[in-house]
PDB file of N, CA and C in Angstrom:
ATOM      1  N   UNK A   1      -2.658   7.542 -13.477  1.00  0.00           N
ATOM      2  CA  UNK A   1      -2.264   7.068 -14.778  1.00  0.00           C
ATOM      3  C   UNK A   1      -3.261   6.031 -15.250  1.00  0.00           C
ATOM      4  N   UNK A   2      -3.445   5.977 -16.499  1.00  0.00           N
ATOM      5  CA  UNK A   2      -4.449   5.102 -17.081  1.00  0.00           C
ATOM      6  C   UNK A   2      -3.796   3.995 -17.886  1.00  0.00           C
ATOM      7  N   UNK A   3      -4.290   2.774 -17.727  1.00  0.00           N
ATOM      8  CA  UNK A   3      -3.866   1.657 -18.558  1.00  0.00           C
ATOM      9  C   UNK A   3      -5.108   0.943 -19.058  1.00  0.00           C
ATOM     10  N   UNK A   4      -4.924   0.119 -20.059  1.00  0.00           N
ATOM     11  CA  UNK A   4      -6.053  -0.600 -20.661  1.00  0.00           C
ATOM     12  C   UNK A   4      -5.896  -2.084 -20.360  1.00  0.00           C
ATOM     13  N   UNK A   5      -6.999  -2.741 -20.056  1.00  0.00           N
ATOM     14  CA  UNK A   5      -6.996  -4.182 -19.822  1.00  0.00           C
ATOM     15  C   UNK A   5      -7.154  -4.884 -21.166  1.00  0.00           C
ATOM     16  N   UNK A   6      -6.271  -5.850 -21.442  1.00  0.00           N
ATOM     17  CA  UNK A   6      -6.331  -6.584 -22.706  1.00  0.00           C
ATOM     18  C   UNK A   6      -7.471  -7.592 -22.669  1.00  0.00           C
ATOM     19  N   UNK A   7      -7.721  -8.236 -23.803  1.00  0.00           N
ATOM     20  CA  UNK A   7      -8.763  -9.257 -23.879  1.00  0.00           C
ATOM     21  C   UNK A   7      -8.472 -10.422 -22.941  1.00  0.00           C
ATOM     22  N   UNK A   8      -7.198 -10.635 -22.622  1.00  0.00           N
ATOM     23  CA  UNK A   8      -6.811 -11.728 -21.716  1.00  0.00           C
ATOM     24  C   UNK A   8      -6.808 -11.285 -20.251  1.00  0.00           C
ATOM     25  N   UNK A   9      -7.254 -10.045 -19.969  1.00  0.00           N
ATOM     26  CA  UNK A   9      -7.327  -9.541 -18.602  1.00  0.00           C
ATOM     27  C   UNK A   9      -6.014  -8.999 -18.076  1.00  0.00           C
ATOM     28  N   UNK A  10      -5.049  -8.743 -18.957  1.00  0.00           N
ATOM     29  CA  UNK A  10      -3.750  -8.240 -18.540  1.00  0.00           C
ATOM     30  C   UNK A  10      -3.689  -6.723 -18.643  1.00  0.00           C
ATOM     31  N   UNK A  11      -2.817  -6.133 -17.859  1.00  0.00           N
ATOM     32  CA  UNK A  11      -2.564  -4.697 -17.917  1.00  0.00           C
ATOM     33  C   UNK A  11      -1.076  -4.481 -17.677  1.00  0.00           C
ATOM     34  N   UNK A  12      -0.587  -3.299 -17.953  1.00  0.00           N
ATOM     35  CA  UNK A  12       0.838  -3.020 -17.752  1.00  0.00           C
ATOM     36  C   UNK A  12       1.008  -1.941 -16.691  1.00  0.00           C
ATOM     37  N   UNK A  13       2.201  -1.908 -16.121  1.00  0.00           N
ATOM     38  CA  UNK A  13       2.551  -0.871 -15.150  1.00  0.00           C
ATOM     39  C   UNK A  13       3.404   0.146 -15.903  1.00  0.00           C
ATOM     40  N   UNK A  14       2.995   1.407 -15.956  1.00  0.00           N
ATOM     41  CA  UNK A  14       3.764   2.419 -16.685  1.00  0.00           C
ATOM     42  C   UNK A  14       5.208   2.514 -16.180  1.00  0.00           C
ATOM     43  N   UNK A  15       6.122   2.808 -17.094  1.00  0.00           N
ATOM     44  CA  UNK A  15       7.553   2.877 -16.777  1.00  0.00           C
ATOM     45  C   UNK A  15       7.849   3.847 -15.646  1.00  0.00           C
ATOM     46  N   UNK A  16       7.132   4.958 -15.584  1.00  0.00           N
ATOM     47  CA  UNK A  16       7.354   5.947 -14.523  1.00  0.00           C
ATOM     48  C   UNK A  16       7.138   5.303 -13.150  1.00  0.00           C
ATOM     49  N   UNK A  17       6.088   4.512 -13.024  1.00  0.00           N
ATOM     50  CA  UNK A  17       5.804   3.852 -11.750  1.00  0.00           C
ATOM     51  C   UNK A  17       6.777   2.707 -11.476  1.00  0.00           C
ATOM     52  N   UNK A  18       7.170   1.978 -12.524  1.00  0.00           N
ATOM     53  CA  UNK A  18       8.157   0.910 -12.324  1.00  0.00           C
ATOM     54  C   UNK A  18       9.462   1.471 -11.776  1.00  0.00           C
ATOM     55  N   UNK A  19       9.892   2.605 -12.306  1.00  0.00           N
ATOM     56  CA  UNK A  19      11.129   3.237 -11.807  1.00  0.00           C
ATOM     57  C   UNK A  19      10.944   3.762 -10.389  1.00  0.00           C
ATOM     58  N   UNK A  20       9.840   4.461 -10.153  1.00  0.00           N
ATOM     59  CA  UNK A  20       9.600   5.062  -8.834  1.00  0.00           C
ATOM     60  C   UNK A  20       9.572   4.018  -7.726  1.00  0.00           C
ATOM     61  N   UNK A  21       8.941   2.863  -7.987  1.00  0.00           N
ATOM     62  CA  UNK A  21       8.791   1.832  -6.964  1.00  0.00           C
ATOM     63  C   UNK A  21       9.784   0.677  -7.131  1.00  0.00           C
ATOM     64  N   UNK A  22      10.775   0.875  -7.991  1.00  0.00           N
ATOM     65  CA  UNK A  22      11.852  -0.105  -8.198  1.00  0.00           C
ATOM     66  C   UNK A  22      11.290  -1.486  -8.550  1.00  0.00           C
ATOM     67  N   UNK A  23      10.312  -1.519  -9.439  1.00  0.00           N
ATOM     68  CA  UNK A  23       9.711  -2.781  -9.865  1.00  0.00           C
ATOM     69  C   UNK A  23      10.529  -3.374 -11.003  1.00  0.00           C
ATOM     70  N   UNK A  24      10.831  -4.633 -10.883  1.00  0.00           N
ATOM     71  CA  UNK A  24      11.598  -5.380 -11.867  1.00  0.00           C
ATOM     72  C   UNK A  24      10.724  -6.501 -12.403  1.00  0.00           C
ATOM     73  N   UNK A  25      11.149  -7.171 -13.482  1.00  0.00           N
ATOM     74  CA  UNK A  25      10.391  -8.349 -13.914  1.00  0.00           C
ATOM     75  C   UNK A  25      10.254  -9.338 -12.758  1.00  0.00           C
ATOM     76  N   UNK A  26       9.110  -9.904 -12.600  1.00  0.00           N
ATOM     77  CA  UNK A  26       8.758 -10.873 -11.557  1.00  0.00           C
ATOM     78  C   UNK A  26       8.507 -10.221 -10.195  1.00  0.00           C
ATOM     79  N   UNK A  27       8.485  -8.875 -10.124  1.00  0.00           N
ATOM     80  CA  UNK A  27       8.077  -8.222  -8.879  1.00  0.00           C
ATOM     81  C   UNK A  27       6.614  -8.563  -8.627  1.00  0.00           C
ATOM     82  N   UNK A  28       6.246  -8.643  -7.356  1.00  0.00           N
ATOM     83  CA  UNK A  28       4.866  -8.990  -7.017  1.00  0.00           C
ATOM     84  C   UNK A  28       4.057  -7.743  -6.695  1.00  0.00           C
ATOM     85  N   UNK A  29       2.806  -7.767  -7.136  1.00  0.00           N
ATOM     86  CA  UNK A  29       1.843  -6.708  -6.836  1.00  0.00           C
ATOM     87  C   UNK A  29       0.617  -7.363  -6.217  1.00  0.00           C
ATOM     88  N   UNK A  30       0.008  -6.687  -5.252  1.00  0.00           N
ATOM     89  CA  UNK A  30      -1.223  -7.171  -4.626  1.00  0.00           C
ATOM     90  C   UNK A  30      -2.339  -6.222  -5.034  1.00  0.00           C
ATOM     91  N   UNK A  31      -3.459  -6.795  -5.418  1.00  0.00           N
ATOM     92  CA  UNK A  31      -4.634  -5.992  -5.735  1.00  0.00           C
ATOM     93  C   UNK A  31      -5.562  -6.042  -4.539  1.00  0.00           C
ATOM     94  N   UNK A  32      -5.933  -4.865  -4.034  1.00  0.00           N
ATOM     95  CA  UNK A  32      -6.772  -4.770  -2.848  1.00  0.00           C
ATOM     96  C   UNK A  32      -8.124  -4.198  -3.261  1.00  0.00           C
ATOM     97  N   UNK A  33      -9.182  -4.984  -3.039  1.00  0.00           N
ATOM     98  CA  UNK A  33     -10.537  -4.545  -3.374  1.00  0.00           C
ATOM     99  C   UNK A  33     -11.049  -3.665  -2.240  1.00  0.00           C
ATOM    100  N   UNK A  34     -11.237  -2.376  -2.523  1.00  0.00           N
ATOM    101  CA  UNK A  34     -11.685  -1.426  -1.515  1.00  0.00           C
ATOM    102  C   UNK A  34     -13.192  -1.194  -1.577  1.00  0.00           C
ATOM    103  N   UNK A  35     -13.901  -2.023  -2.303  1.00  0.00           N
ATOM    104  CA  UNK A  35     -15.351  -1.871  -2.407  1.00  0.00           C
ATOM    105  C   UNK A  35     -15.739  -1.087  -3.639  1.00  0.00           C
ATOM    106  N   UNK A  36     -15.304   0.163  -3.727  1.00  0.00           N
ATOM    107  CA  UNK A  36     -15.646   0.983  -4.890  1.00  0.00           C
ATOM    108  C   UNK A  36     -14.424   1.265  -5.761  1.00  0.00           C
ATOM    109  N   UNK A  37     -13.268   0.718  -5.373  1.00  0.00           N
ATOM    110  CA  UNK A  37     -12.059   0.903  -6.161  1.00  0.00           C
ATOM    111  C   UNK A  37     -11.106  -0.260  -5.909  1.00  0.00           C
ATOM    112  N   UNK A  38     -10.103  -0.369  -6.768  1.00  0.00           N
ATOM    113  CA  UNK A  38      -9.079  -1.397  -6.625  1.00  0.00           C
ATOM    114  C   UNK A  38      -7.742  -0.684  -6.467  1.00  0.00           C
ATOM    115  N   UNK A  39      -6.994  -1.052  -5.432  1.00  0.00           N
ATOM    116  CA  UNK A  39      -5.664  -0.488  -5.217  1.00  0.00           C
ATOM    117  C   UNK A  39      -4.639  -1.559  -5.570  1.00  0.00           C
ATOM    118  N   UNK A  40      -3.604  -1.161  -6.287  1.00  0.00           N
ATOM    119  CA  UNK A  40      -2.520  -2.068  -6.639  1.00  0.00           C
ATOM    120  C   UNK A  40      -1.318  -1.660  -5.806  1.00  0.00           C
ATOM    121  N   UNK A  41      -0.807  -2.595  -5.006  1.00  0.00           N
ATOM    122  CA  UNK A  41       0.252  -2.297  -4.044  1.00  0.00           C
ATOM    123  C   UNK A  41       1.444  -3.212  -4.304  1.00  0.00           C
ATOM    124  N   UNK A  42       2.651  -2.632  -4.467  1.00  0.00           N
ATOM    125  CA  UNK A  42       3.832  -3.486  -4.632  1.00  0.00           C
ATOM    126  C   UNK A  42       4.146  -4.211  -3.332  1.00  0.00           C
ATOM    127  N   UNK A  43       4.571  -5.464  -3.448  1.00  0.00           N
ATOM    128  CA  UNK A  43       4.949  -6.273  -2.294  1.00  0.00           C
ATOM    129  C   UNK A  43       6.460  -6.169  -2.127  1.00  0.00           C
ATOM    130  N   UNK A  44       6.881  -5.752  -0.954  1.00  0.00           N
ATOM    131  CA  UNK A  44       8.303  -5.616  -0.677  1.00  0.00           C
ATOM    132  C   UNK A  44       8.942  -6.987  -0.516  1.00  0.00           C
ATOM    133  N   UNK A  45      10.160  -7.140  -1.034  1.00  0.00           N
ATOM    134  CA  UNK A  45      10.891  -8.396  -0.835  1.00  0.00           C
ATOM    135  C   UNK A  45      11.242  -8.577   0.634  1.00  0.00           C
ATOM    136  N   UNK A  46      11.418  -7.450   1.333  1.00  0.00           N
ATOM    137  CA  UNK A  46      11.723  -7.474   2.762  1.00  0.00           C
ATOM    138  C   UNK A  46      10.602  -6.714   3.465  1.00  0.00           C
ATOM    139  N   UNK A  47       9.593  -7.408   4.029  1.00  0.00           N
ATOM    140  CA  UNK A  47       8.434  -6.725   4.605  1.00  0.00           C
ATOM    141  C   UNK A  47       8.792  -5.751   5.719  1.00  0.00           C
ATOM    142  N   UNK A  48       9.816  -6.047   6.507  1.00  0.00           N
ATOM    143  CA  UNK A  48      10.217  -5.150   7.595  1.00  0.00           C
ATOM    144  C   UNK A  48      10.754  -3.846   7.006  1.00  0.00           C
ATOM    145  N   UNK A  49      11.582  -3.947   5.987  1.00  0.00           N
ATOM    146  CA  UNK A  49      12.108  -2.742   5.338  1.00  0.00           C
ATOM    147  C   UNK A  49      10.978  -1.958   4.676  1.00  0.00           C
ATOM    148  N   UNK A  50       9.953  -2.660   4.194  1.00  0.00           N
ATOM    149  CA  UNK A  50       8.815  -1.996   3.568  1.00  0.00           C
ATOM    150  C   UNK A  50       8.022  -1.141   4.538  1.00  0.00           C
ATOM    151  N   UNK A  51       8.077  -1.471   5.826  1.00  0.00           N
ATOM    152  CA  UNK A  51       7.353  -0.692   6.837  1.00  0.00           C
ATOM    153  C   UNK A  51       8.180   0.475   7.371  1.00  0.00           C
ATOM    154  N   UNK A  52       9.473   0.504   7.054  1.00  0.00           N
ATOM    155  CA  UNK A  52      10.340   1.553   7.578  1.00  0.00           C
ATOM    156  C   UNK A  52       9.804   2.931   7.180  1.00  0.00           C
ATOM    157  N   UNK A  53       9.686   3.801   8.148  1.00  0.00           N
ATOM    158  CA  UNK A  53       9.230   5.162   7.895  1.00  0.00           C
ATOM    159  C   UNK A  53       7.717   5.329   7.952  1.00  0.00           C
ATOM    160  N   UNK A  54       6.989   4.234   8.132  1.00  0.00           N
ATOM    161  CA  UNK A  54       5.536   4.314   8.154  1.00  0.00           C
ATOM    162  C   UNK A  54       5.037   5.197   9.282  1.00  0.00           C
ATOM    163  N   UNK A  55       5.675   5.113  10.441  1.00  0.00           N
ATOM    164  CA  UNK A  55       5.266   5.913  11.594  1.00  0.00           C
ATOM    165  C   UNK A  55       6.319   6.972  11.918  1.00  0.00           C
ATOM    166  N   UNK A  56       6.942   7.505  10.906  1.00  0.00           N
ATOM    167  CA  UNK A  56       8.000   8.487  11.088  1.00  0.00           C
ATOM    168  C   UNK A  56       7.507   9.652  11.955  1.00  0.00           C
ATOM    169  N   UNK A  57       8.289   9.988  12.938  1.00  0.00           N
ATOM    170  CA  UNK A  57       7.947  11.107  13.803  1.00  0.00           C
ATOM    171  C   UNK A  57       7.062  10.723  14.979  1.00  0.00           C
ATOM    172  N   UNK A  58       6.495   9.535  14.959  1.00  0.00           N
ATOM    173  CA  UNK A  58       5.636   9.078  16.054  1.00  0.00           C
ATOM    174  C   UNK A  58       5.941   7.614  16.304  1.00  0.00           C
ATOM    175  N   UNK A  59       6.071   7.273  17.557  1.00  0.00           N
ATOM    176  CA  UNK A  59       6.311   5.867  17.866  1.00  0.00           C
ATOM    177  C   UNK A  59       5.023   5.077  17.673  1.00  0.00           C
ATOM    178  N   UNK A  60       5.174   3.797  17.439  1.00  0.00           N
ATOM    179  CA  UNK A  60       4.007   2.942  17.275  1.00  0.00           C
ATOM    180  C   UNK A  60       3.169   2.932  18.550  1.00  0.00           C
ATOM    181  N   UNK A  61       3.836   2.934  19.692  1.00  0.00           N
ATOM    182  CA  UNK A  61       3.121   2.953  20.972  1.00  0.00           C
ATOM    183  C   UNK A  61       2.267   4.205  21.097  1.00  0.00           C
ATOM    184  N   UNK A  62       2.831   5.358  20.749  1.00  0.00           N
ATOM    185  CA  UNK A  62       2.080   6.614  20.824  1.00  0.00           C
ATOM    186  C   UNK A  62       0.869   6.567  19.898  1.00  0.00           C
ATOM    187  N   UNK A  63       1.040   6.010  18.716  1.00  0.00           N
ATOM    188  CA  UNK A  63      -0.058   5.907  17.756  1.00  0.00           C
ATOM    189  C   UNK A  63      -1.167   5.003  18.298  1.00  0.00           C
ATOM    190  N   UNK A  64      -0.780   3.846  18.864  1.00  0.00           N
ATOM    191  CA  UNK A  64      -1.771   2.928  19.416  1.00  0.00           C
ATOM    192  C   UNK A  64      -2.520   3.543  20.590  1.00  0.00           C
ATOM    193  N   UNK A  65      -1.809   4.245  21.462  1.00  0.00           N
ATOM    194  CA  UNK A  65      -2.462   4.898  22.604  1.00  0.00           C
ATOM    195  C   UNK A  65      -3.439   5.975  22.141  1.00  0.00           C
ATOM    196  N   UNK A  66      -3.052   6.730  21.135  1.00  0.00           N
ATOM    197  CA  UNK A  66      -3.934   7.771  20.603  1.00  0.00           C
ATOM    198  C   UNK A  66      -5.204   7.134  20.027  1.00  0.00           C
ATOM    199  N   UNK A  67      -5.053   6.043  19.297  1.00  0.00           N
ATOM    200  CA  UNK A  67      -6.215   5.354  18.741  1.00  0.00           C
ATOM    201  C   UNK A  67      -7.122   4.807  19.842  1.00  0.00           C
ATOM    202  N   UNK A  68      -6.515   4.260  20.892  1.00  0.00           N
ATOM    203  CA  UNK A  68      -7.299   3.719  22.006  1.00  0.00           C
ATOM    204  C   UNK A  68      -8.089   4.826  22.704  1.00  0.00           C
ATOM    205  N   UNK A  69      -7.468   5.992  22.932  1.00  0.00           N
ATOM    206  CA  UNK A  69      -8.170   7.120  23.554  1.00  0.00           C
ATOM    207  C   UNK A  69      -9.326   7.597  22.673  1.00  0.00           C
ATOM    208  N   UNK A  70      -9.115   7.614  21.365  1.00  0.00           N
ATOM    209  CA  UNK A  70     -10.172   8.039  20.446  1.00  0.00           C
ATOM    210  C   UNK A  70     -11.349   7.064  20.494  1.00  0.00           C
ATOM    211  N   UNK A  71     -11.054   5.753  20.576  1.00  0.00           N
ATOM    212  CA  UNK A  71     -12.126   4.766  20.674  1.00  0.00           C
ATOM    213  C   UNK A  71     -12.933   4.932  21.959  1.00  0.00           C
ATOM    214  N   UNK A  72     -12.250   5.151  23.056  1.00  0.00           N
ATOM    215  CA  UNK A  72     -12.937   5.329  24.343  1.00  0.00           C
ATOM    216  C   UNK A  72     -13.811   6.584  24.302  1.00  0.00           C
ATOM    217  N   UNK A  73     -13.342   7.646  23.678  1.00  0.00           N
ATOM    218  CA  UNK A  73     -14.116   8.875  23.581  1.00  0.00           C
ATOM    219  C   UNK A  73     -15.391   8.656  22.755  1.00  0.00           C
ATOM    220  N   UNK A  74     -15.296   7.837  21.697  1.00  0.00           N
ATOM    221  CA  UNK A  74     -16.468   7.544  20.874  1.00  0.00           C
ATOM    222  C   UNK A  74     -17.497   6.706  21.620  1.00  0.00           C
ATOM    223  N   UNK A  75     -17.032   5.842  22.525  1.00  0.00           N
ATOM    224  CA  UNK A  75     -17.935   4.958  23.282  1.00  0.00           C
ATOM    225  C   UNK A  75     -18.742   5.731  24.314  1.00  0.00           C
ATOM    226  N   UNK A  76     -18.283   6.872  24.737  1.00  0.00           N
ATOM    227  CA  UNK A  76     -18.988   7.654  25.790  1.00  0.00           C
ATOM    228  C   UNK A  76     -20.177   8.368  25.270  1.00  0.00           C
TER     229      UNK A  76
END
């Protein structure tokens, strides 16, 4: 979706996205500079609840072990 930056550097969040991400007035957004792009990420009021489902189907331990094995394979 496209928005325009005003002369004061402001922009709006389209209603479709506000509804989808349950954004209300005074909700916080974080802008993440990715080098060649900017990502806008809503900040959860409850950070633990915001992570729920992130590793669905895989335990965090399994994910960490898989990453560690991949790193060791790259080092060889």
